[in-house]
Amino acid sequence: MQIDVTAQNTAFDKKTIEVTAGQPFTIILHNKDSMPHNLHIFTKKGGDSIAVTDPQAVQAGSTGTLTTTITQPGEYYFQCDFHPSLMTGTLTVK
């Protein structure tokens, strides 16, 4: 499964992402801003890291890729590490 997410105006265009437990998924981050961004998934806000885009700093006008599999259903937290108070969302694993 592939999910496209755009970073623009210091915001993600998706605040929620839904994936299936045990199934690999890829998030493609399209950075349309003039500053670096990334997308980093955690177990919860302030929790353990699960996966982050490659490269970790997706430069302006570039694209980054995050590929992972999460086996445990639940709600997870994602953020941009460069703008963690502005760019956040919820990843739901069903």
N, C-alpha and C. Protein backbone atom coordinates (compact mmCIF):
# COMPACT_ATOMS: atom_id res chain seq x y z
N MET A 1 0.85 -1.17 0.00
CA MET A 1 0.00 0.00 0.00
C MET A 1 0.89 1.23 0.00
N GLN A 2 0.55 2.21 -0.83
CA GLN A 2 1.28 3.48 -0.88
C GLN A 2 0.35 4.62 -0.50
N ILE A 3 0.86 5.50 0.37
CA ILE A 3 0.12 6.69 0.79
C ILE A 3 0.97 7.91 0.46
N ASP A 4 0.38 8.85 -0.25
CA ASP A 4 1.08 10.09 -0.57
C ASP A 4 0.67 11.16 0.43
N VAL A 5 1.68 11.82 1.00
CA VAL A 5 1.47 12.91 1.95
C VAL A 5 2.26 14.10 1.44
N THR A 6 1.63 15.27 1.42
CA THR A 6 2.31 16.50 1.00
C THR A 6 2.54 17.39 2.20
N ALA A 7 3.76 17.92 2.29
CA ALA A 7 4.10 18.93 3.30
C ALA A 7 4.14 20.27 2.58
N GLN A 8 3.26 21.18 3.01
CA GLN A 8 3.18 22.49 2.38
C GLN A 8 2.61 23.49 3.38
N ASN A 9 3.15 24.70 3.39
CA ASN A 9 2.72 25.74 4.34
C ASN A 9 2.85 25.26 5.79
N THR A 10 3.95 24.56 6.06
CA THR A 10 4.25 24.01 7.39
C THR A 10 3.09 23.18 7.93
N ALA A 11 2.54 22.32 7.07
CA ALA A 11 1.43 21.43 7.45
C ALA A 11 1.45 20.19 6.57
N PHE A 12 0.98 19.07 7.12
CA PHE A 12 0.73 17.87 6.32
C PHE A 12 -0.66 18.00 5.72
N ASP A 13 -0.85 17.50 4.50
CA ASP A 13 -2.18 17.53 3.90
C ASP A 13 -3.09 16.44 4.46
N LYS A 14 -2.52 15.49 5.22
CA LYS A 14 -3.30 14.44 5.87
C LYS A 14 -3.01 14.47 7.36
N LYS A 15 -4.05 14.54 8.17
CA LYS A 15 -3.91 14.47 9.63
C LYS A 15 -4.12 13.06 10.14
N THR A 16 -4.73 12.21 9.30
CA THR A 16 -4.96 10.81 9.66
C THR A 16 -4.56 9.92 8.49
N ILE A 17 -3.97 8.79 8.84
CA ILE A 17 -3.60 7.77 7.87
C ILE A 17 -4.06 6.45 8.45
N GLU A 18 -4.63 5.59 7.60
CA GLU A 18 -5.10 4.28 8.05
C GLU A 18 -4.42 3.19 7.24
N VAL A 19 -3.89 2.18 7.95
CA VAL A 19 -3.23 1.05 7.31
C VAL A 19 -3.73 -0.24 7.96
N THR A 20 -3.36 -1.37 7.35
CA THR A 20 -3.76 -2.68 7.85
C THR A 20 -2.62 -3.32 8.62
N ALA A 21 -2.91 -3.83 9.80
CA ALA A 21 -1.91 -4.49 10.64
C ALA A 21 -1.27 -5.66 9.89
N GLY A 22 0.05 -5.75 10.00
CA GLY A 22 0.78 -6.85 9.39
C GLY A 22 1.04 -6.70 7.91
N GLN A 23 0.55 -5.63 7.30
CA GLN A 23 0.75 -5.40 5.87
C GLN A 23 1.76 -4.26 5.67
N PRO A 24 2.79 -4.48 4.85
CA PRO A 24 3.74 -3.39 4.62
C PRO A 24 3.06 -2.20 3.95
N PHE A 25 3.52 -1.01 4.30
CA PHE A 25 3.02 0.20 3.65
C PHE A 25 4.17 1.17 3.44
N THR A 26 3.98 2.04 2.46
CA THR A 26 4.97 3.05 2.12
C THR A 26 4.29 4.40 2.12
N ILE A 27 4.89 5.34 2.83
CA ILE A 27 4.44 6.73 2.79
C ILE A 27 5.45 7.51 1.96
N ILE A 28 4.95 8.19 0.94
CA ILE A 28 5.78 9.06 0.11
C ILE A 28 5.50 10.49 0.57
N LEU A 29 6.53 11.16 1.08
CA LEU A 29 6.39 12.53 1.54
C LEU A 29 6.89 13.47 0.46
N HIS A 30 5.99 14.30 -0.04
CA HIS A 30 6.33 15.30 -1.06
C HIS A 30 6.48 16.65 -0.36
N ASN A 31 7.69 17.17 -0.33
CA ASN A 31 7.93 18.44 0.35
C ASN A 31 7.79 19.59 -0.65
N LYS A 32 6.70 20.32 -0.54
CA LYS A 32 6.44 21.46 -1.43
C LYS A 32 6.69 22.78 -0.72
N ASP A 33 7.38 22.72 0.43
CA ASP A 33 7.73 23.91 1.19
C ASP A 33 9.14 24.37 0.83
N SER A 34 9.55 25.49 1.41
CA SER A 34 10.89 26.04 1.17
C SER A 34 11.85 25.66 2.29
N MET A 35 11.45 24.73 3.16
CA MET A 35 12.28 24.30 4.29
C MET A 35 12.22 22.78 4.40
N PRO A 36 13.17 22.15 5.11
CA PRO A 36 13.13 20.68 5.23
C PRO A 36 12.00 20.20 6.13
N HIS A 37 11.51 19.01 5.82
CA HIS A 37 10.50 18.32 6.62
C HIS A 37 10.84 16.84 6.65
N ASN A 38 10.14 16.10 7.50
CA ASN A 38 10.16 14.64 7.46
C ASN A 38 8.84 14.15 8.04
N LEU A 39 8.66 12.85 8.03
CA LEU A 39 7.50 12.24 8.66
C LEU A 39 8.04 11.11 9.52
N HIS A 40 7.79 11.19 10.81
CA HIS A 40 8.36 10.26 11.79
C HIS A 40 7.21 9.65 12.58
N ILE A 41 7.11 8.32 12.59
CA ILE A 41 6.05 7.61 13.31
C ILE A 41 6.58 7.15 14.67
N PHE A 42 5.77 7.37 15.70
CA PHE A 42 6.10 6.96 17.06
C PHE A 42 4.97 6.11 17.64
N THR A 43 5.29 5.36 18.70
CA THR A 43 4.25 4.57 19.38
C THR A 43 3.17 5.47 19.95
N LYS A 44 3.56 6.66 20.41
CA LYS A 44 2.66 7.69 20.92
C LYS A 44 3.46 8.99 20.96
N LYS A 45 2.82 10.11 21.25
CA LYS A 45 3.54 11.38 21.36
C LYS A 45 4.58 11.24 22.46
N GLY A 46 5.83 11.48 22.12
CA GLY A 46 6.92 11.33 23.07
C GLY A 46 7.35 9.89 23.29
N GLY A 47 6.77 8.97 22.51
CA GLY A 47 7.05 7.54 22.67
C GLY A 47 8.24 7.07 21.85
N ASP A 48 8.30 5.77 21.65
CA ASP A 48 9.40 5.15 20.93
C ASP A 48 9.23 5.34 19.42
N SER A 49 10.36 5.52 18.74
CA SER A 49 10.37 5.67 17.29
C SER A 49 10.05 4.33 16.62
N ILE A 50 9.23 4.40 15.57
CA ILE A 50 8.92 3.21 14.77
C ILE A 50 9.60 3.30 13.42
N ALA A 51 9.44 4.43 12.73
CA ALA A 51 10.02 4.59 11.39
C ALA A 51 10.06 6.08 11.04
N VAL A 52 10.99 6.45 10.16
CA VAL A 52 11.12 7.84 9.72
C VAL A 52 11.48 7.84 8.23
N THR A 53 11.14 8.93 7.57
CA THR A 53 11.43 9.04 6.15
C THR A 53 12.92 8.92 5.86
N ASP A 54 13.23 8.45 4.69
CA ASP A 54 14.58 8.41 4.16
C ASP A 54 14.59 9.29 2.92
N PRO A 55 15.34 10.38 2.93
CA PRO A 55 16.25 10.83 3.99
C PRO A 55 15.47 11.42 5.18
N GLN A 56 16.16 11.54 6.32
CA GLN A 56 15.50 12.09 7.52
C GLN A 56 15.17 13.56 7.34
N ALA A 57 15.94 14.26 6.54
CA ALA A 57 15.64 15.66 6.21
C ALA A 57 15.29 15.72 4.73
N VAL A 58 14.00 15.77 4.43
CA VAL A 58 13.54 15.86 3.05
C VAL A 58 13.59 17.34 2.68
N GLN A 59 14.52 17.68 1.81
CA GLN A 59 14.75 19.08 1.46
C GLN A 59 13.60 19.65 0.61
N ALA A 60 13.53 20.96 0.55
CA ALA A 60 12.51 21.66 -0.23
C ALA A 60 12.48 21.13 -1.66
N GLY A 61 11.29 20.84 -2.13
CA GLY A 61 11.12 20.36 -3.50
C GLY A 61 11.48 18.90 -3.71
N SER A 62 11.82 18.19 -2.65
CA SER A 62 12.24 16.79 -2.75
C SER A 62 11.18 15.85 -2.22
N THR A 63 11.46 14.56 -2.35
CA THR A 63 10.56 13.51 -1.90
C THR A 63 11.31 12.56 -0.98
N GLY A 64 10.64 12.12 0.07
CA GLY A 64 11.21 11.12 0.97
C GLY A 64 10.28 9.93 1.06
N THR A 65 10.83 8.79 1.46
CA THR A 65 10.07 7.55 1.51
C THR A 65 10.20 6.92 2.89
N LEU A 66 9.09 6.43 3.41
CA LEU A 66 9.06 5.68 4.66
C LEU A 66 8.34 4.37 4.37
N THR A 67 9.01 3.25 4.60
CA THR A 67 8.38 1.95 4.39
C THR A 67 8.52 1.14 5.67
N THR A 68 7.42 0.59 6.15
CA THR A 68 7.44 -0.21 7.37
C THR A 68 6.22 -1.11 7.41
N THR A 69 6.20 -1.99 8.40
CA THR A 69 5.06 -2.84 8.71
C THR A 69 4.81 -2.74 10.21
N ILE A 70 3.58 -2.48 10.60
CA ILE A 70 3.22 -2.45 12.01
C ILE A 70 2.23 -3.59 12.25
N THR A 71 2.58 -4.47 13.17
CA THR A 71 1.75 -5.67 13.37
C THR A 71 0.68 -5.48 14.43
N GLN A 72 0.88 -4.52 15.33
CA GLN A 72 -0.05 -4.34 16.45
C GLN A 72 -1.11 -3.29 16.10
N PRO A 73 -2.39 -3.65 16.04
CA PRO A 73 -3.44 -2.66 15.80
C PRO A 73 -3.44 -1.60 16.90
N GLY A 74 -3.86 -0.40 16.54
CA GLY A 74 -3.95 0.69 17.50
C GLY A 74 -3.73 2.03 16.83
N GLU A 75 -3.61 3.06 17.66
CA GLU A 75 -3.36 4.41 17.15
C GLU A 75 -1.93 4.80 17.48
N TYR A 76 -1.26 5.34 16.48
CA TYR A 76 0.12 5.77 16.59
C TYR A 76 0.19 7.25 16.24
N TYR A 77 1.31 7.87 16.58
CA TYR A 77 1.49 9.31 16.42
C TYR A 77 2.54 9.57 15.36
N PHE A 78 2.29 10.56 14.49
CA PHE A 78 3.36 10.96 13.58
C PHE A 78 3.54 12.47 13.63
N GLN A 79 4.76 12.89 13.30
CA GLN A 79 5.09 14.31 13.32
C GLN A 79 6.22 14.59 12.34
N CYS A 80 6.41 15.87 12.07
CA CYS A 80 7.63 16.36 11.41
C CYS A 80 8.57 16.73 12.54
N ASP A 81 9.76 16.16 12.56
CA ASP A 81 10.71 16.46 13.64
C ASP A 81 11.20 17.90 13.61
N PHE A 82 11.09 18.56 12.46
CA PHE A 82 11.53 19.95 12.35
C PHE A 82 10.46 20.93 12.85
N HIS A 83 9.20 20.50 12.84
CA HIS A 83 8.07 21.36 13.25
C HIS A 83 7.07 20.53 14.06
N PRO A 84 7.51 19.96 15.20
CA PRO A 84 6.66 19.01 15.94
C PRO A 84 5.43 19.62 16.60
N SER A 85 5.38 20.94 16.73
CA SER A 85 4.17 21.53 17.31
C SER A 85 3.14 21.87 16.23
N LEU A 86 3.56 21.92 14.98
CA LEU A 86 2.67 22.31 13.88
C LEU A 86 2.24 21.14 12.99
N MET A 87 3.12 20.18 12.82
CA MET A 87 2.89 19.12 11.83
C MET A 87 2.80 17.78 12.55
N THR A 88 1.57 17.36 12.83
CA THR A 88 1.33 16.11 13.55
C THR A 88 0.14 15.39 12.94
N GLY A 89 -0.02 14.13 13.33
CA GLY A 89 -1.18 13.37 12.88
C GLY A 89 -1.27 12.03 13.58
N THR A 90 -2.29 11.28 13.22
CA THR A 90 -2.56 9.98 13.81
C THR A 90 -2.54 8.91 12.73
N LEU A 91 -1.80 7.84 12.99
CA LEU A 91 -1.76 6.67 12.14
C LEU A 91 -2.59 5.60 12.83
N THR A 92 -3.65 5.14 12.17
CA THR A 92 -4.50 4.10 12.73
C THR A 92 -4.17 2.78 12.03
N VAL A 93 -3.85 1.78 12.83
CA VAL A 93 -3.54 0.44 12.31
C VAL A 93 -4.70 -0.47 12.71
N LYS A 94 -5.37 -1.03 11.70
CA LYS A 94 -6.53 -1.89 11.94
C LYS A 94 -6.22 -3.33 11.59
